[in-house]
Amino acid sequence: MHEKLSTWGSLPLRLILGISFIYHGYPKVSSAAGHQTFATLLAGIGIPAPDLTAWVVGVVEVGAGVALLIGAFVVCASVLLAIDMLVALFKVHLAAGFSLINIKSMGSRGSSLPVCRDTN
């Protein structure tokens, strides 16, 4: 029983995280508008080479998400995603007070705006 749990116990977490990262990374690499919106956000928070960084982040999120789904290179994928999330934590969410809707370069209703910051 314990062997089955240790073998299959992480599957639900991998599936949820894999789908979540694919869902968030796909718009960054699948359309010019989605990529440009994310690159503009990165430029607004001072990330270097925002256009290249937007591609790297999108590819990492989609690629590592797929790796988590299929159970391949899980440790490598997890390290890349942890780095991705730590940068998001310190550069975006910490400064915005962990608001899931109102982050830098987004309006109070969550809609994407050209790089601007709310004054509230």
N, C-alpha and C. Protein backbone atom coordinates (compact mmCIF):
# COMPACT_ATOMS: atom_id res chain seq x y z
N MET A 1 0.83 -1.20 0.00
CA MET A 1 0.00 0.00 0.00
C MET A 1 0.87 1.26 0.00
N HIS A 2 1.89 1.29 0.87
CA HIS A 2 2.75 2.46 0.95
C HIS A 2 3.51 2.69 -0.36
N GLU A 3 3.90 1.62 -1.05
CA GLU A 3 4.60 1.75 -2.32
C GLU A 3 3.72 2.39 -3.38
N LYS A 4 2.42 2.00 -3.41
CA LYS A 4 1.50 2.62 -4.37
C LYS A 4 1.32 4.10 -4.08
N LEU A 5 1.21 4.44 -2.80
CA LEU A 5 1.02 5.84 -2.43
C LEU A 5 2.24 6.66 -2.81
N SER A 6 3.42 6.16 -2.56
CA SER A 6 4.62 6.91 -2.90
C SER A 6 4.81 7.01 -4.41
N THR A 7 4.32 6.03 -5.15
CA THR A 7 4.43 6.05 -6.61
C THR A 7 3.42 7.00 -7.23
N TRP A 8 2.20 6.98 -6.77
CA TRP A 8 1.11 7.73 -7.39
C TRP A 8 0.66 8.95 -6.58
N GLY A 9 1.19 9.13 -5.39
CA GLY A 9 0.73 10.21 -4.51
C GLY A 9 0.95 11.60 -5.06
N SER A 10 2.01 11.80 -5.84
CA SER A 10 2.29 13.13 -6.37
C SER A 10 1.55 13.41 -7.68
N LEU A 11 0.88 12.42 -8.24
CA LEU A 11 0.20 12.60 -9.52
C LEU A 11 -0.81 13.74 -9.52
N PRO A 12 -1.73 13.82 -8.55
CA PRO A 12 -2.69 14.94 -8.58
C PRO A 12 -2.02 16.31 -8.54
N LEU A 13 -0.98 16.45 -7.73
CA LEU A 13 -0.27 17.73 -7.65
C LEU A 13 0.42 18.05 -8.97
N ARG A 14 1.07 17.07 -9.56
CA ARG A 14 1.73 17.29 -10.85
C ARG A 14 0.73 17.68 -11.92
N LEU A 15 -0.44 17.01 -11.94
CA LEU A 15 -1.46 17.34 -12.95
C LEU A 15 -2.00 18.75 -12.77
N ILE A 16 -2.30 19.11 -11.55
CA ILE A 16 -2.84 20.46 -11.27
C ILE A 16 -1.81 21.53 -11.62
N LEU A 17 -0.58 21.35 -11.17
CA LEU A 17 0.45 22.35 -11.46
C LEU A 17 0.81 22.38 -12.94
N GLY A 18 0.89 21.21 -13.56
CA GLY A 18 1.21 21.16 -14.99
C GLY A 18 0.17 21.89 -15.82
N ILE A 19 -1.10 21.62 -15.57
CA ILE A 19 -2.17 22.29 -16.30
C ILE A 19 -2.15 23.79 -16.01
N SER A 20 -1.93 24.17 -14.77
CA SER A 20 -1.90 25.59 -14.40
C SER A 20 -0.78 26.34 -15.12
N PHE A 21 0.40 25.76 -15.15
CA PHE A 21 1.51 26.44 -15.81
C PHE A 21 1.32 26.48 -17.32
N ILE A 22 0.79 25.44 -17.92
CA ILE A 22 0.50 25.48 -19.35
C ILE A 22 -0.53 26.57 -19.64
N TYR A 23 -1.56 26.64 -18.81
CA TYR A 23 -2.63 27.63 -18.98
C TYR A 23 -2.08 29.06 -18.91
N HIS A 24 -1.13 29.30 -17.99
CA HIS A 24 -0.58 30.64 -17.85
C HIS A 24 0.55 30.93 -18.84
N GLY A 25 1.24 29.93 -19.30
CA GLY A 25 2.34 30.14 -20.23
C GLY A 25 1.93 30.18 -21.69
N TYR A 26 0.88 29.46 -22.04
CA TYR A 26 0.47 29.35 -23.44
C TYR A 26 0.19 30.71 -24.10
N PRO A 27 -0.55 31.62 -23.47
CA PRO A 27 -0.80 32.92 -24.12
C PRO A 27 0.48 33.72 -24.36
N LYS A 28 1.51 33.47 -23.59
CA LYS A 28 2.77 34.21 -23.74
C LYS A 28 3.53 33.79 -24.99
N VAL A 29 3.26 32.58 -25.48
CA VAL A 29 3.99 32.09 -26.65
C VAL A 29 3.10 31.79 -27.85
N SER A 30 1.80 31.82 -27.67
CA SER A 30 0.91 31.40 -28.77
C SER A 30 0.39 32.54 -29.62
N SER A 31 0.47 33.77 -29.13
CA SER A 31 -0.02 34.89 -29.93
C SER A 31 0.89 36.09 -29.74
N ALA A 32 0.98 36.89 -30.78
CA ALA A 32 1.81 38.09 -30.71
C ALA A 32 1.26 39.07 -29.67
N ALA A 33 -0.05 39.18 -29.60
CA ALA A 33 -0.67 40.11 -28.64
C ALA A 33 -0.41 39.67 -27.21
N GLY A 34 -0.56 38.38 -26.92
CA GLY A 34 -0.30 37.88 -25.58
C GLY A 34 1.15 38.04 -25.18
N HIS A 35 2.03 37.76 -26.14
CA HIS A 35 3.47 37.91 -25.87
C HIS A 35 3.80 39.38 -25.62
N GLN A 36 3.29 40.27 -26.44
CA GLN A 36 3.61 41.69 -26.30
C GLN A 36 3.06 42.27 -25.01
N THR A 37 1.87 41.82 -24.60
CA THR A 37 1.29 42.29 -23.34
C THR A 37 2.19 41.89 -22.17
N PHE A 38 2.66 40.65 -22.19
CA PHE A 38 3.53 40.19 -21.11
C PHE A 38 4.88 40.89 -21.15
N ALA A 39 5.44 41.08 -22.36
CA ALA A 39 6.72 41.79 -22.48
C ALA A 39 6.59 43.23 -21.98
N THR A 40 5.46 43.87 -22.25
CA THR A 40 5.22 45.23 -21.76
C THR A 40 5.16 45.25 -20.23
N LEU A 41 4.51 44.25 -19.65
CA LEU A 41 4.46 44.15 -18.19
C LEU A 41 5.87 43.99 -17.63
N LEU A 42 6.67 43.13 -18.25
CA LEU A 42 8.04 42.91 -17.78
C LEU A 42 8.86 44.20 -17.88
N ALA A 43 8.70 44.93 -18.97
CA ALA A 43 9.42 46.20 -19.13
C ALA A 43 9.00 47.18 -18.04
N GLY A 44 7.73 47.18 -17.70
CA GLY A 44 7.21 48.10 -16.70
C GLY A 44 7.73 47.85 -15.30
N ILE A 45 8.16 46.63 -15.04
CA ILE A 45 8.69 46.33 -13.70
C ILE A 45 10.21 46.22 -13.69
N GLY A 46 10.82 46.59 -14.81
CA GLY A 46 12.28 46.68 -14.85
C GLY A 46 13.03 45.39 -15.11
N ILE A 47 12.37 44.40 -15.70
CA ILE A 47 13.06 43.15 -16.05
C ILE A 47 13.92 43.41 -17.29
N PRO A 48 15.19 43.02 -17.27
CA PRO A 48 16.04 43.25 -18.45
C PRO A 48 15.61 42.40 -19.64
N ALA A 49 15.83 42.93 -20.83
CA ALA A 49 15.49 42.27 -22.10
C ALA A 49 14.08 41.69 -22.05
N PRO A 50 13.07 42.54 -21.88
CA PRO A 50 11.71 42.04 -21.65
C PRO A 50 11.15 41.17 -22.77
N ASP A 51 11.50 41.46 -24.02
CA ASP A 51 10.97 40.65 -25.12
C ASP A 51 11.53 39.24 -25.07
N LEU A 52 12.83 39.12 -24.91
CA LEU A 52 13.46 37.80 -24.79
C LEU A 52 13.01 37.08 -23.53
N THR A 53 12.96 37.81 -22.43
CA THR A 53 12.53 37.22 -21.16
C THR A 53 11.10 36.70 -21.25
N ALA A 54 10.23 37.42 -21.95
CA ALA A 54 8.84 36.97 -22.11
C ALA A 54 8.79 35.63 -22.84
N TRP A 55 9.64 35.47 -23.87
CA TRP A 55 9.69 34.19 -24.58
C TRP A 55 10.21 33.09 -23.68
N VAL A 56 11.28 33.38 -22.96
CA VAL A 56 11.88 32.37 -22.07
C VAL A 56 10.87 31.92 -21.02
N VAL A 57 10.20 32.87 -20.38
CA VAL A 57 9.22 32.53 -19.34
C VAL A 57 8.08 31.71 -19.93
N GLY A 58 7.57 32.12 -21.08
CA GLY A 58 6.48 31.37 -21.71
C GLY A 58 6.88 29.95 -22.06
N VAL A 59 8.05 29.80 -22.65
CA VAL A 59 8.52 28.46 -23.03
C VAL A 59 8.77 27.60 -21.78
N VAL A 60 9.36 28.19 -20.75
CA VAL A 60 9.59 27.45 -19.51
C VAL A 60 8.27 27.00 -18.90
N GLU A 61 7.28 27.90 -18.83
CA GLU A 61 6.01 27.55 -18.22
C GLU A 61 5.29 26.46 -19.00
N VAL A 62 5.28 26.55 -20.32
CA VAL A 62 4.61 25.52 -21.12
C VAL A 62 5.42 24.22 -21.11
N GLY A 63 6.71 24.32 -21.35
CA GLY A 63 7.54 23.11 -21.40
C GLY A 63 7.61 22.38 -20.08
N ALA A 64 7.83 23.12 -19.01
CA ALA A 64 7.89 22.48 -17.69
C ALA A 64 6.51 21.98 -17.27
N GLY A 65 5.45 22.68 -17.67
CA GLY A 65 4.10 22.20 -17.38
C GLY A 65 3.82 20.87 -18.05
N VAL A 66 4.23 20.75 -19.31
CA VAL A 66 4.08 19.47 -20.02
C VAL A 66 4.92 18.39 -19.35
N ALA A 67 6.15 18.75 -18.96
CA ALA A 67 7.01 17.77 -18.28
C ALA A 67 6.36 17.27 -17.00
N LEU A 68 5.74 18.17 -16.24
CA LEU A 68 5.05 17.74 -15.02
C LEU A 68 3.89 16.82 -15.35
N LEU A 69 3.15 17.15 -16.40
CA LEU A 69 2.00 16.31 -16.78
C LEU A 69 2.40 14.89 -17.12
N ILE A 70 3.48 14.76 -17.87
CA ILE A 70 3.87 13.42 -18.30
C ILE A 70 4.85 12.75 -17.34
N GLY A 71 5.33 13.50 -16.35
CA GLY A 71 6.22 12.92 -15.35
C GLY A 71 7.65 12.79 -15.81
N ALA A 72 8.07 13.60 -16.76
CA ALA A 72 9.44 13.55 -17.26
C ALA A 72 10.21 14.77 -16.77
N PHE A 73 11.44 14.57 -16.37
CA PHE A 73 12.31 15.66 -15.92
C PHE A 73 11.64 16.52 -14.84
N VAL A 74 10.95 15.87 -13.93
CA VAL A 74 10.16 16.58 -12.92
C VAL A 74 11.03 17.47 -12.04
N VAL A 75 12.19 17.01 -11.65
CA VAL A 75 13.06 17.81 -10.80
C VAL A 75 13.55 19.06 -11.55
N CYS A 76 14.01 18.88 -12.77
CA CYS A 76 14.48 20.03 -13.58
C CYS A 76 13.34 21.01 -13.83
N ALA A 77 12.18 20.48 -14.19
CA ALA A 77 11.01 21.33 -14.43
C ALA A 77 10.63 22.09 -13.17
N SER A 78 10.68 21.43 -12.05
CA SER A 78 10.32 22.06 -10.78
C SER A 78 11.28 23.18 -10.40
N VAL A 79 12.56 22.97 -10.64
CA VAL A 79 13.55 24.01 -10.34
C VAL A 79 13.31 25.24 -11.23
N LEU A 80 13.08 25.02 -12.52
CA LEU A 80 12.82 26.14 -13.43
C LEU A 80 11.55 26.90 -13.04
N LEU A 81 10.52 26.16 -12.69
CA LEU A 81 9.26 26.80 -12.30
C LEU A 81 9.40 27.51 -10.95
N ALA A 82 10.20 26.97 -10.05
CA ALA A 82 10.43 27.64 -8.77
C ALA A 82 11.15 28.97 -8.98
N ILE A 83 12.13 28.99 -9.87
CA ILE A 83 12.82 30.24 -10.19
C ILE A 83 11.84 31.24 -10.80
N ASP A 84 11.03 30.78 -11.73
CA ASP A 84 10.00 31.60 -12.37
C ASP A 84 9.08 32.23 -11.32
N MET A 85 8.63 31.42 -10.38
CA MET A 85 7.69 31.90 -9.37
C MET A 85 8.37 32.79 -8.33
N LEU A 86 9.63 32.55 -8.02
CA LEU A 86 10.35 33.43 -7.09
C LEU A 86 10.54 34.82 -7.69
N VAL A 87 10.86 34.88 -8.98
CA VAL A 87 10.97 36.19 -9.64
C VAL A 87 9.61 36.88 -9.63
N ALA A 88 8.55 36.16 -9.94
CA ALA A 88 7.20 36.75 -9.90
C ALA A 88 6.86 37.21 -8.49
N LEU A 89 7.22 36.44 -7.51
CA LEU A 89 6.95 36.80 -6.12
C LEU A 89 7.61 38.12 -5.75
N PHE A 90 8.92 38.24 -6.02
CA PHE A 90 9.66 39.40 -5.56
C PHE A 90 9.52 40.62 -6.47
N LYS A 91 9.32 40.41 -7.76
CA LYS A 91 9.24 41.55 -8.68
C LYS A 91 7.82 42.05 -8.90
N VAL A 92 6.81 41.20 -8.73
CA VAL A 92 5.44 41.60 -9.04
C VAL A 92 4.56 41.55 -7.79
N HIS A 93 4.38 40.39 -7.25
CA HIS A 93 3.36 40.18 -6.23
C HIS A 93 3.70 40.79 -4.87
N LEU A 94 4.94 40.77 -4.47
CA LEU A 94 5.31 41.34 -3.18
C LEU A 94 5.05 42.85 -3.17
N ALA A 95 5.42 43.53 -4.24
CA ALA A 95 5.22 44.98 -4.34
C ALA A 95 3.74 45.34 -4.44
N ALA A 96 2.92 44.45 -4.97
CA ALA A 96 1.49 44.73 -5.14
C ALA A 96 0.66 44.21 -3.98
N GLY A 97 1.28 43.66 -2.98
CA GLY A 97 0.54 43.16 -1.83
C GLY A 97 -0.19 41.87 -2.10
N PHE A 98 0.33 41.05 -2.98
CA PHE A 98 -0.21 39.74 -3.32
C PHE A 98 -1.63 39.80 -3.88
N SER A 99 -1.98 40.89 -4.53
CA SER A 99 -3.28 40.98 -5.18
C SER A 99 -3.24 40.15 -6.45
N LEU A 100 -4.19 39.24 -6.61
CA LEU A 100 -4.22 38.40 -7.80
C LEU A 100 -4.82 39.12 -8.99
N ILE A 101 -5.52 40.21 -8.75
CA ILE A 101 -6.19 40.92 -9.83
C ILE A 101 -5.44 42.19 -10.21
N ASN A 102 -4.99 42.94 -9.25
CA ASN A 102 -4.42 44.25 -9.51
C ASN A 102 -2.90 44.22 -9.34
N ILE A 103 -2.19 43.78 -10.39
CA ILE A 103 -0.74 43.77 -10.33
C ILE A 103 -0.22 44.96 -11.12
N LYS A 104 1.07 45.20 -11.00
CA LYS A 104 1.66 46.32 -11.74
C LYS A 104 1.33 46.18 -13.22
N SER A 105 1.08 47.30 -13.85
CA SER A 105 0.70 47.45 -15.25
C SER A 105 -0.63 46.81 -15.56
N MET A 106 -1.49 46.69 -14.55
CA MET A 106 -2.86 46.27 -14.77
C MET A 106 -3.77 47.23 -14.03
N GLY A 107 -4.93 47.44 -14.55
CA GLY A 107 -5.87 48.35 -13.93
C GLY A 107 -6.57 47.73 -12.74
N SER A 108 -7.36 48.53 -12.05
CA SER A 108 -8.04 48.05 -10.85
C SER A 108 -9.07 46.98 -11.15
N ARG A 109 -9.54 46.90 -12.40
CA ARG A 109 -10.49 45.84 -12.77
C ARG A 109 -9.78 44.65 -13.41
N GLY A 110 -8.46 44.65 -13.40
CA GLY A 110 -7.70 43.51 -13.89
C GLY A 110 -7.41 43.53 -15.37
N SER A 111 -7.89 44.53 -16.09
CA SER A 111 -7.64 44.57 -17.53
C SER A 111 -6.23 45.05 -17.81
N SER A 112 -5.61 44.51 -18.85
CA SER A 112 -4.26 44.89 -19.18
C SER A 112 -4.22 46.31 -19.71
N LEU A 113 -3.29 47.06 -19.24
CA LEU A 113 -3.10 48.43 -19.69
C LEU A 113 -1.65 48.60 -20.10
N PRO A 114 -1.36 49.57 -20.98
CA PRO A 114 0.04 49.84 -21.22
C PRO A 114 0.69 50.26 -19.91
N VAL A 115 1.93 49.96 -19.76
CA VAL A 115 2.66 50.11 -18.50
C VAL A 115 2.23 51.36 -17.73
N CYS A 116 1.46 51.17 -16.68
CA CYS A 116 1.05 52.25 -15.78
C CYS A 116 0.80 51.63 -14.42
N ARG A 117 0.77 52.45 -13.43
CA ARG A 117 0.56 51.94 -12.08
C ARG A 117 -0.64 52.64 -11.47
N ASP A 118 -1.45 51.90 -10.76
CA ASP A 118 -2.58 52.50 -10.06
C ASP A 118 -2.07 53.42 -8.97
N THR A 119 -2.81 54.45 -8.69
CA THR A 119 -2.40 55.41 -7.66
C THR A 119 -3.12 55.19 -6.36
N ASN A 120 -3.94 54.12 -6.24
CA ASN A 120 -4.69 53.87 -5.00
C ASN A 120 -3.74 53.54 -3.90
